[in-house]
C-alpha atoms as a PDB file:
ATOM      1  CA  MET A   1     -11.538 -39.676  -5.451  1.00  0.00           C
ATOM      2  CA  PRO A   2     -12.253 -36.973  -7.981  1.00  0.00           C
ATOM      3  CA  LEU A   3     -12.028 -33.123  -6.388  1.00  0.00           C
ATOM      4  CA  THR A   4     -14.624 -30.689  -7.843  1.00  0.00           C
ATOM      5  CA  PHE A   5     -13.627 -27.146  -8.951  1.00  0.00           C
ATOM      6  CA  SER A   6     -15.707 -23.821  -9.842  1.00  0.00           C
ATOM      7  CA  LEU A   7     -14.758 -21.639 -12.586  1.00  0.00           C
ATOM      8  CA  VAL A   8     -15.866 -18.222 -11.862  1.00  0.00           C
ATOM      9  CA  ASP A   9     -15.501 -14.946 -13.320  1.00  0.00           C
ATOM     10  CA  ALA A  10     -14.846 -12.225 -10.776  1.00  0.00           C
ATOM     11  CA  PHE A  11     -15.237  -8.363 -10.987  1.00  0.00           C
ATOM     12  CA  THR A  12     -18.324  -8.809 -13.627  1.00  0.00           C
ATOM     13  CA  GLU A  13     -21.754  -9.188 -13.746  1.00  0.00           C
ATOM     14  CA  HIS A  14     -21.217 -10.967 -17.582  1.00  0.00           C
ATOM     15  CA  LEU A  15     -19.997 -15.198 -18.106  1.00  0.00           C
ATOM     16  CA  PHE A  16     -16.906 -14.507 -20.504  1.00  0.00           C
ATOM     17  CA  ALA A  17     -15.650 -11.230 -18.785  1.00  0.00           C
ATOM     18  CA  GLY A  18     -14.121 -10.161 -15.251  1.00  0.00           C
ATOM     19  CA  ASN A  19     -11.306 -12.264 -14.451  1.00  0.00           C
ATOM     20  CA  PRO A  20     -11.650 -15.964 -13.939  1.00  0.00           C
ATOM     21  CA  ALA A  21     -10.441 -17.862 -11.140  1.00  0.00           C
ATOM     22  CA  ALA A  22     -10.303 -21.951 -10.990  1.00  0.00           C
ATOM     23  CA  VAL A  23     -11.702 -22.184  -6.811  1.00  0.00           C
ATOM     24  CA  TYR A  24     -10.533 -25.795  -4.902  1.00  0.00           C
ATOM     25  CA  VAL A  25     -12.360 -26.502  -1.734  1.00  0.00           C
ATOM     26  CA  LEU A  26     -10.331 -29.217  -0.045  1.00  0.00           C
ATOM     27  CA  GLN A  27     -10.438 -30.967   3.058  1.00  0.00           C
ATOM     28  CA  ARG A  28      -6.953 -31.112   3.830  1.00  0.00           C
ATOM     29  CA  TRP A  29      -3.723 -29.405   2.665  1.00  0.00           C
ATOM     30  CA  PRO A  30      -2.070 -31.868  -0.175  1.00  0.00           C
ATOM     31  CA  ALA A  31       1.807 -31.005  -1.211  1.00  0.00           C
ATOM     32  CA  ASP A  32       2.827 -27.717  -2.444  1.00  0.00           C
ATOM     33  CA  ASP A  33       3.987 -29.127  -5.462  1.00  0.00           C
ATOM     34  CA  TRP A  34       0.929 -30.853  -6.207  1.00  0.00           C
ATOM     35  CA  LEU A  35      -1.106 -27.839  -5.612  1.00  0.00           C
ATOM     36  CA  GLN A  36       1.330 -25.723  -8.252  1.00  0.00           C
ATOM     37  CA  LEU A  37       0.310 -28.873 -10.996  1.00  0.00           C
ATOM     38  CA  VAL A  38      -3.198 -28.206 -10.410  1.00  0.00           C
ATOM     39  CA  ALA A  39      -2.786 -24.591 -11.201  1.00  0.00           C
ATOM     40  CA  ARG A  40      -0.516 -24.865 -14.121  1.00  0.00           C
ATOM     41  CA  GLU A  41      -3.256 -27.433 -15.516  1.00  0.00           C
ATOM     42  CA  MET A  42      -6.090 -25.123 -14.605  1.00  0.00           C
ATOM     43  CA  ASN A  43      -3.963 -22.013 -16.510  1.00  0.00           C
ATOM     44  CA  GLN A  44      -6.143 -19.387 -15.041  1.00  0.00           C
ATOM     45  CA  SER A  45      -4.325 -15.981 -13.586  1.00  0.00           C
ATOM     46  CA  GLU A  46      -4.588 -17.460 -10.017  1.00  0.00           C
ATOM     47  CA  THR A  47      -5.923 -21.133  -8.664  1.00  0.00           C
ATOM     48  CA  ALA A  48      -7.356 -20.439  -5.065  1.00  0.00           C
ATOM     49  CA  PHE A  49      -7.458 -23.444  -2.367  1.00  0.00           C
ATOM     50  CA  VAL A  50      -9.360 -23.360   0.253  1.00  0.00           C
ATOM     51  CA  VAL A  51      -9.524 -25.067   3.486  1.00  0.00           C
ATOM     52  CA  ALA A  52     -11.963 -24.938   6.383  1.00  0.00           C
ATOM     53  CA  GLU A  53     -10.078 -24.165   9.604  1.00  0.00           C
ATOM     54  CA  ALA A  54     -11.395 -23.490  13.000  1.00  0.00           C
ATOM     55  CA  ALA A  55     -11.956 -20.086  13.063  1.00  0.00           C
ATOM     56  CA  GLY A  56     -12.640 -19.808   8.873  1.00  0.00           C
ATOM     57  CA  PHE A  57     -10.634 -20.390   6.177  1.00  0.00           C
ATOM     58  CA  ARG A  58      -7.064 -20.912   4.768  1.00  0.00           C
ATOM     59  CA  LEU A  59      -6.978 -19.519   1.441  1.00  0.00           C
ATOM     60  CA  ARG A  60      -3.679 -19.735  -0.474  1.00  0.00           C
ATOM     61  CA  TRP A  61      -3.313 -18.315  -4.302  1.00  0.00           C
ATOM     62  CA  PHE A  62      -1.602 -19.881  -7.280  1.00  0.00           C
ATOM     63  CA  THR A  63      -0.557 -18.675 -10.917  1.00  0.00           C
ATOM     64  CA  PRO A  64       0.685 -21.246 -13.077  1.00  0.00           C
ATOM     65  CA  LEU A  65       4.039 -20.649 -12.241  1.00  0.00           C
ATOM     66  CA  VAL A  66       4.290 -19.648  -8.696  1.00  0.00           C
ATOM     67  CA  GLU A  67       2.340 -19.092  -5.010  1.00  0.00           C
ATOM     68  CA  VAL A  68       2.141 -15.480  -4.466  1.00  0.00           C
ATOM     69  CA  ASP A  69       1.086 -13.203  -1.161  1.00  0.00           C
ATOM     70  CA  LEU A  70      -2.392 -11.583  -2.180  1.00  0.00           C
ATOM     71  CA  CYS A  71      -4.917 -11.926  -5.033  1.00  0.00           C
ATOM     72  CA  GLY A  72      -8.156  -9.969  -4.976  1.00  0.00           C
ATOM     73  CA  HIS A  73      -9.768 -11.584  -7.564  1.00  0.00           C
ATOM     74  CA  ALA A  74      -9.501 -15.261  -6.717  1.00  0.00           C
ATOM     75  CA  THR A  75     -10.781 -14.220  -3.062  1.00  0.00           C
ATOM     76  CA  LEU A  76     -13.628 -12.719  -4.536  1.00  0.00           C
ATOM     77  CA  ALA A  77     -14.357 -16.109  -6.441  1.00  0.00           C
ATOM     78  CA  ALA A  78     -13.722 -18.109  -3.289  1.00  0.00           C
ATOM     79  CA  ALA A  79     -16.141 -16.070  -1.415  1.00  0.00           C
ATOM     80  CA  HIS A  80     -18.816 -16.066  -3.950  1.00  0.00           C
ATOM     81  CA  THR A  81     -18.107 -20.266  -4.344  1.00  0.00           C
ATOM     82  CA  LEU A  82     -18.592 -20.618  -0.894  1.00  0.00           C
ATOM     83  CA  TRP A  83     -21.708 -18.870  -0.722  1.00  0.00           C
ATOM     84  CA  THR A  84     -23.272 -20.336  -3.723  1.00  0.00           C
ATOM     85  CA  SER A  85     -22.280 -23.644  -2.766  1.00  0.00           C
ATOM     86  CA  GLY A  86     -24.256 -23.570   0.466  1.00  0.00           C
ATOM     87  CA  LEU A  87     -20.691 -24.827   2.371  1.00  0.00           C
ATOM     88  CA  VAL A  88     -21.245 -20.926   4.236  1.00  0.00           C
ATOM     89  CA  ALA A  89     -24.791 -19.328   5.006  1.00  0.00           C
ATOM     90  CA  THR A  90     -26.151 -16.189   2.666  1.00  0.00           C
ATOM     91  CA  GLY A  91     -25.531 -13.352   4.462  1.00  0.00           C
ATOM     92  CA  LYS A  92     -22.801 -14.740   6.859  1.00  0.00           C
ATOM     93  CA  PRO A  93     -18.891 -13.025   6.883  1.00  0.00           C
ATOM     94  CA  ILE A  94     -15.988 -15.096   5.495  1.00  0.00           C
ATOM     95  CA  ARG A  95     -12.713 -15.032   7.088  1.00  0.00           C
ATOM     96  CA  PHE A  96      -9.561 -16.098   4.981  1.00  0.00           C
ATOM     97  CA  ALA A  97      -6.403 -16.806   6.917  1.00  0.00           C
ATOM     98  CA  THR A  98      -3.223 -15.983   4.333  1.00  0.00           C
ATOM     99  CA  ARG A  99      -0.405 -14.954   3.726  1.00  0.00           C
ATOM    100  CA  SER A 100      -1.167 -11.330   3.607  1.00  0.00           C
ATOM    101  CA  GLY A 101      -3.262 -11.452   7.140  1.00  0.00           C
ATOM    102  CA  VAL A 102      -6.850 -12.135   7.692  1.00  0.00           C
ATOM    103  CA  LEU A 103      -8.633 -11.172   4.938  1.00  0.00           C
ATOM    104  CA  THR A 104     -12.597 -11.203   5.331  1.00  0.00           C
ATOM    105  CA  ALA A 105     -15.593 -11.167   2.629  1.00  0.00           C
ATOM    106  CA  VAL A 106     -19.313 -10.166   3.096  1.00  0.00           C
ATOM    107  CA  GLN A 107     -21.853  -9.690   0.944  1.00  0.00           C
ATOM    108  CA  ALA A 108     -22.894  -5.806   0.577  1.00  0.00           C
ATOM    109  CA  GLY A 109     -26.103  -5.297  -1.348  1.00  0.00           C
ATOM    110  CA  GLU A 110     -25.588  -7.059  -4.865  1.00  0.00           C
ATOM    111  CA  LEU A 111     -21.595  -6.628  -4.200  1.00  0.00           C
ATOM    112  CA  ILE A 112     -18.834  -9.182  -2.900  1.00  0.00           C
ATOM    113  CA  GLU A 113     -17.061  -6.942  -0.159  1.00  0.00           C
ATOM    114  CA  LEU A 114     -13.188  -7.855   0.310  1.00  0.00           C
ATOM    115  CA  ASP A 115     -11.097  -6.157   3.419  1.00  0.00           C
ATOM    116  CA  PHE A 116      -7.885  -5.848   2.185  1.00  0.00           C
ATOM    117  CA  PRO A 117      -4.739  -4.319   3.162  1.00  0.00           C
ATOM    118  CA  LEU A 118      -4.191  -0.792   1.414  1.00  0.00           C
ATOM    119  CA  LEU A 119      -0.800  -0.916  -0.318  1.00  0.00           C
ATOM    120  CA  PRO A 120       0.846   2.768  -0.081  1.00  0.00           C
ATOM    121  CA  GLU A 121       3.188   3.292  -2.861  1.00  0.00           C
ATOM    122  CA  ARG A 122       5.653   6.132  -3.256  1.00  0.00           C
ATOM    123  CA  PRO A 123       7.737   7.760  -6.078  1.00  0.00           C
ATOM    124  CA  THR A 124      10.834   6.207  -7.059  1.00  0.00           C
ATOM    125  CA  GLU A 125      13.198   5.741 -10.607  1.00  0.00           C
ATOM    126  CA  ILE A 126      11.839   4.706 -13.752  1.00  0.00           C
ATOM    127  CA  PRO A 127      13.800   1.015 -14.306  1.00  0.00           C
ATOM    128  CA  THR A 128      15.824   0.886 -17.292  1.00  0.00           C
ATOM    129  CA  GLY A 129      14.347  -0.546 -20.123  1.00  0.00           C
ATOM    130  CA  LEU A 130      10.810   0.208 -18.264  1.00  0.00           C
ATOM    131  CA  ALA A 131       9.038   2.593 -20.721  1.00  0.00           C
ATOM    132  CA  THR A 132      10.426   0.880 -23.903  1.00  0.00           C
ATOM    133  CA  ALA A 133       9.330  -2.372 -22.779  1.00  0.00           C
ATOM    134  CA  LEU A 134       6.183  -0.457 -22.384  1.00  0.00           C
ATOM    135  CA  GLY A 135       5.754   1.269 -25.497  1.00  0.00           C
ATOM    136  CA  VAL A 136       4.582   4.621 -23.092  1.00  0.00           C
ATOM    137  CA  ALA A 137       5.830   8.089 -21.984  1.00  0.00           C
ATOM    138  CA  PRO A 138       5.432   7.950 -17.851  1.00  0.00           C
ATOM    139  CA  ILE A 139       5.308  10.606 -16.422  1.00  0.00           C
ATOM    140  CA  TYR A 140       5.295   9.135 -12.769  1.00  0.00           C
ATOM    141  CA  CYS A 141       6.351   5.791 -11.383  1.00  0.00           C
ATOM    142  CA  GLY A 142       5.457   4.479  -7.860  1.00  0.00           C
ATOM    143  CA  GLN A 143       6.642   1.095  -5.818  1.00  0.00           C
ATOM    144  CA  SER A 144       4.138  -0.553  -3.932  1.00  0.00           C
ATOM    145  CA  ARG A 145       4.721  -3.322  -1.713  1.00  0.00           C
ATOM    146  CA  HIS A 146       4.516  -5.794  -4.418  1.00  0.00           C
ATOM    147  CA  ASP A 147       4.252  -3.935  -7.898  1.00  0.00           C
ATOM    148  CA  LEU A 148       5.235  -0.623 -10.020  1.00  0.00           C
ATOM    149  CA  VAL A 149       2.607   1.682 -10.879  1.00  0.00           C
ATOM    150  CA  VAL A 150       3.152   3.770 -14.062  1.00  0.00           C
ATOM    151  CA  HIS A 151       1.283   6.982 -14.285  1.00  0.00           C
ATOM    152  CA  VAL A 152       0.712   7.867 -18.055  1.00  0.00           C
ATOM    153  CA  ALA A 153      -1.154  11.012 -19.483  1.00  0.00           C
ATOM    154  CA  THR A 154      -3.708   9.624 -21.259  1.00  0.00           C
ATOM    155  CA  ASP A 155      -6.537   6.705 -21.003  1.00  0.00           C
ATOM    156  CA  ALA A 156      -6.187   6.082 -25.082  1.00  0.00           C
ATOM    157  CA  GLU A 157      -2.542   5.166 -24.007  1.00  0.00           C
ATOM    158  CA  VAL A 158      -3.449   2.788 -21.456  1.00  0.00           C
ATOM    159  CA  ARG A 159      -5.781   1.418 -23.626  1.00  0.00           C
ATOM    160  CA  GLN A 160      -3.568   1.046 -26.527  1.00  0.00           C
ATOM    161  CA  ALA A 161      -0.109   0.220 -25.120  1.00  0.00           C
ATOM    162  CA  SER A 162       0.920  -3.245 -26.501  1.00  0.00           C
ATOM    163  CA  PRO A 163       4.273  -4.024 -24.067  1.00  0.00           C
ATOM    164  CA  ASP A 164       6.983  -6.001 -24.974  1.00  0.00           C
ATOM    165  CA  LEU A 165       6.411  -8.711 -22.889  1.00  0.00           C
ATOM    166  CA  THR A 166       9.646 -10.425 -22.883  1.00  0.00           C
ATOM    167  CA  ARG A 167      11.600  -7.301 -22.238  1.00  0.00           C
ATOM    168  CA  LEU A 168       8.817  -6.554 -19.681  1.00  0.00           C
ATOM    169  CA  ALA A 169      10.073  -9.604 -17.907  1.00  0.00           C
ATOM    170  CA  GLN A 170      13.126  -8.998 -17.069  1.00  0.00           C
ATOM    171  CA  ILE A 171      11.977  -5.839 -15.068  1.00  0.00           C
ATOM    172  CA  ALA A 172      12.467  -6.345 -10.984  1.00  0.00           C
ATOM    173  CA  THR A 173       8.876  -6.572  -9.862  1.00  0.00           C
ATOM    174  CA  ARG A 174       5.885  -8.906  -9.327  1.00  0.00           C
ATOM    175  CA  GLY A 175       3.573  -6.258 -12.238  1.00  0.00           C
ATOM    176  CA  ILE A 176       3.604  -3.485 -13.349  1.00  0.00           C
ATOM    177  CA  ILE A 177       0.416  -1.166 -13.231  1.00  0.00           C
ATOM    178  CA  LEU A 178      -0.198   0.972 -15.732  1.00  0.00           C
ATOM    179  CA  THR A 179      -3.273   3.545 -15.187  1.00  0.00           C
ATOM    180  CA  ALA A 180      -4.281   6.797 -15.847  1.00  0.00           C
ATOM    181  CA  ARG A 181      -7.098   9.257 -15.255  1.00  0.00           C
ATOM    182  CA  SER A 182     -10.553   7.926 -17.508  1.00  0.00           C
ATOM    183  CA  ALA A 183     -11.875   9.340 -20.283  1.00  0.00           C
ATOM    184  CA  ASP A 184     -15.500   7.562 -19.586  1.00  0.00           C
ATOM    185  CA  ILE A 185     -16.828  10.106 -17.140  1.00  0.00           C
ATOM    186  CA  GLY A 186     -18.390   6.658 -15.308  1.00  0.00           C
ATOM    187  CA  PHE A 187     -14.932   5.778 -13.757  1.00  0.00           C
ATOM    188  CA  ASP A 188     -12.628   7.660 -11.633  1.00  0.00           C
ATOM    189  CA  PHE A 189      -9.736   6.190 -13.395  1.00  0.00           C
ATOM    190  CA  ILE A 190      -8.350   3.017 -15.537  1.00  0.00           C
ATOM    191  CA  SER A 191      -5.742   0.587 -15.403  1.00  0.00           C
ATOM    192  CA  ARG A 192      -3.877  -2.406 -17.112  1.00  0.00           C
ATOM    193  CA  PHE A 193      -1.729  -4.897 -15.083  1.00  0.00           C
ATOM    194  CA  PHE A 194       1.219  -6.599 -16.837  1.00  0.00           C
ATOM    195  CA  ALA A 195       3.011  -9.746 -14.573  1.00  0.00           C
ATOM    196  CA  PRO A 196       4.859 -11.722 -17.364  1.00  0.00           C
ATOM    197  CA  ALA A 197       7.641 -12.811 -14.622  1.00  0.00           C
ATOM    198  CA  ALA A 198       4.725 -15.163 -12.847  1.00  0.00           C
ATOM    199  CA  GLY A 199       3.584 -15.993 -15.753  1.00  0.00           C
ATOM    200  CA  ILE A 200       0.520 -13.860 -16.183  1.00  0.00           C
ATOM    201  CA  ASN A 201       1.258 -11.828 -19.373  1.00  0.00           C
ATOM    202  CA  GLU A 202      -1.502  -9.249 -19.087  1.00  0.00           C
ATOM    203  CA  ASP A 203      -3.980 -10.294 -15.686  1.00  0.00           C
ATOM    204  CA  PRO A 204      -8.270  -8.858 -16.844  1.00  0.00           C
ATOM    205  CA  VAL A 205      -8.593  -7.731 -13.707  1.00  0.00           C
ATOM    206  CA  THR A 206      -6.538  -7.240 -10.686  1.00  0.00           C
ATOM    207  CA  GLY A 207      -7.979  -6.550  -6.577  1.00  0.00           C
ATOM    208  CA  SER A 208      -4.904  -6.401  -5.512  1.00  0.00           C
ATOM    209  CA  ALA A 209      -3.697  -3.487  -7.703  1.00  0.00           C
ATOM    210  CA  HIS A 210      -6.344  -1.143  -6.900  1.00  0.00           C
ATOM    211  CA  CYS A 211      -5.468  -1.939  -2.823  1.00  0.00           C
ATOM    212  CA  CYS A 212      -2.419   0.477  -4.389  1.00  0.00           C
ATOM    213  CA  LEU A 213      -4.049   2.423  -7.391  1.00  0.00           C
ATOM    214  CA  ALA A 214      -6.530   3.385  -4.328  1.00  0.00           C
ATOM    215  CA  ASP A 215      -3.680   5.405  -2.391  1.00  0.00           C
ATOM    216  CA  PHE A 216      -1.958   6.414  -5.716  1.00  0.00           C
ATOM    217  CA  TRP A 217      -5.449   8.121  -6.994  1.00  0.00           C
ATOM    218  CA  SER A 218      -6.401   9.802  -2.999  1.00  0.00           C
ATOM    219  CA  LYS A 219      -3.396  11.792  -3.303  1.00  0.00           C
ATOM    220  CA  ARG A 220      -4.304  13.253  -6.835  1.00  0.00           C
ATOM    221  CA  LEU A 221      -8.095  13.210  -6.865  1.00  0.00           C
ATOM    222  CA  ASN A 222      -8.056  14.345  -2.827  1.00  0.00           C
ATOM    223  CA  LYS A 223     -11.060  11.388  -2.388  1.00  0.00           C
ATOM    224  CA  THR A 224     -11.194   7.957  -0.706  1.00  0.00           C
ATOM    225  CA  ALA A 225     -13.859   6.099  -2.968  1.00  0.00           C
ATOM    226  CA  PHE A 226     -13.550   4.929  -6.477  1.00  0.00           C
ATOM    227  CA  ARG A 227     -15.222   3.599  -9.595  1.00  0.00           C
ATOM    228  CA  ALA A 228     -12.379   2.256 -11.483  1.00  0.00           C
ATOM    229  CA  TYR A 229     -12.157   0.367 -14.804  1.00  0.00           C
ATOM    230  CA  GLN A 230      -9.608  -2.228 -15.780  1.00  0.00           C
ATOM    231  CA  ALA A 231      -9.034  -2.157 -19.384  1.00  0.00           C
ATOM    232  CA  SER A 232      -7.855  -5.387 -20.326  1.00  0.00           C
ATOM    233  CA  PRO A 233      -9.560  -7.572 -23.021  1.00  0.00           C
ATOM    234  CA  ARG A 234     -11.975  -8.717 -21.212  1.00  0.00           C
ATOM    235  CA  GLY A 235     -12.710  -5.680 -18.867  1.00  0.00           C
ATOM    236  CA  GLY A 236     -13.749  -5.697 -15.518  1.00  0.00           C
ATOM    237  CA  VAL A 237     -15.281  -2.947 -13.118  1.00  0.00           C
ATOM    238  CA  VAL A 238     -13.715  -2.615  -9.660  1.00  0.00           C
ATOM    239  CA  HIS A 239     -15.002  -0.687  -6.710  1.00  0.00           C
ATOM    240  CA  VAL A 240     -12.967   0.364  -3.859  1.00  0.00           C
ATOM    241  CA  ARG A 241     -12.544   2.919  -0.734  1.00  0.00           C
ATOM    242  CA  ILE A 242     -10.127   3.325   1.457  1.00  0.00           C
ATOM    243  CA  ALA A 243     -10.462   2.673   5.187  1.00  0.00           C
ATOM    244  CA  GLY A 244      -8.041   3.871   7.366  1.00  0.00           C
ATOM    245  CA  GLU A 245      -5.251   1.633   6.687  1.00  0.00           C
ATOM    246  CA  ARG A 246      -7.175  -1.098   4.358  1.00  0.00           C
ATOM    247  CA  ALA A 247      -8.842  -1.186   1.278  1.00  0.00           C
ATOM    248  CA  ILE A 248     -12.207  -2.180   0.620  1.00  0.00           C
ATOM    249  CA  LEU A 249     -12.844  -3.972  -3.077  1.00  0.00           C
ATOM    250  CA  GLY A 250     -15.807  -4.596  -3.845  1.00  0.00           C
ATOM    251  CA  GLY A 251     -17.442  -6.449  -7.278  1.00  0.00           C
ATOM    252  CA  HIS A 252     -19.426  -9.401  -8.974  1.00  0.00           C
ATOM    253  CA  ALA A 253     -18.746 -12.646  -9.813  1.00  0.00           C
ATOM    254  CA  VAL A 254     -20.735 -15.362 -11.466  1.00  0.00           C
ATOM    255  CA  THR A 255     -20.056 -19.472 -11.667  1.00  0.00           C
ATOM    256  CA  VAL A 256     -18.975 -20.110 -15.474  1.00  0.00           C
ATOM    257  CA  ALA A 257     -18.397 -23.946 -14.871  1.00  0.00           C
ATOM    258  CA  ARG A 258     -18.214 -26.571 -12.545  1.00  0.00           C
ATOM    259  CA  GLY A 259     -16.207 -29.672 -12.876  1.00  0.00           C
ATOM    260  CA  GLU A 260     -14.020 -32.344 -11.419  1.00  0.00           C
ATOM    261  CA  LEU A 261     -10.585 -33.471 -11.335  1.00  0.00           C
ATOM    262  CA  LEU A 262     -10.109 -36.731 -11.739  1.00  0.00           C
ATOM    263  CA  ALA A 263      -6.230 -36.833 -10.360  1.00  0.00           C
ATOM    264  CA  THR A 264      -4.718 -37.250  -7.163  1.00  0.00           C
ATOM    265  CA  GLU A 265      -2.125 -36.119  -5.403  1.00  0.00           C
ATOM    266  CA  SER A 266      -0.682 -39.697  -5.386  1.00  0.00           C
ATOM    267  CA  GLY A 267      -1.425 -40.033  -9.229  1.00  0.00           C
ATOM    268  CA  SER A 268       0.172 -36.613 -10.302  1.00  0.00           C
ATOM    269  CA  ALA A 269       2.256 -36.859 -13.407  1.00  0.00           C
ATOM    270  CA  LYS A 270       5.911 -37.000 -13.410  1.00  0.00           C
ATOM    271  CA  ARG A 271       8.088 -34.100 -14.176  1.00  0.00           C
END
């Protein structure tokens, strides 16, 4: 039986911007290797798989190469899909059980808000080869639970960076967050996110990175609520605020396409 999926652009109000994610709402969990094959076929930075449970939904995220522990934009896309498809009533909060604990999604005016863990960063030495691979002059390097955060002096350095992705993939981290104060007064800071070792050369908009960036910039700007811009070629806007040990991510989402996957688990291709 074909499985339906949605393709959703997250952290944007416009089609063909923000970060696309494929979303599958399944009746049960197939084998993990089949989920990975589907994610590889979708070829998005993340594919979200959702299965209903007694207390809400179980949510898992896969890049084309690996399953990951936390993903903001695909969670936003999954919540948007559940509401717009009628599987969850408009206005009703959604509870997701995930590898990173329970995450909730609510509709807050025009935004979808996600309750995520705050990911504090701490200073660390700049890994050998990182500056060369990024092609920038770091003024600070920090380490969160998942990623490195690299601070540079100007907005232009972030926007103009052209990393050597082969070298960057050799750095021992899930991903590298590149950030600076925004030159646009409409935003507090800008960033870009690179994760070639996880099969994502540049992620268009990265919710989980902002769980770290909120901590990083709160210590420098002496504030706890931010409007941020991720300056990838697609671009996207992330609202984030700190609430104790949580990061509240806010953004828009739009459905780009819906389709059917004709391959069943039993019909998976040989590898």
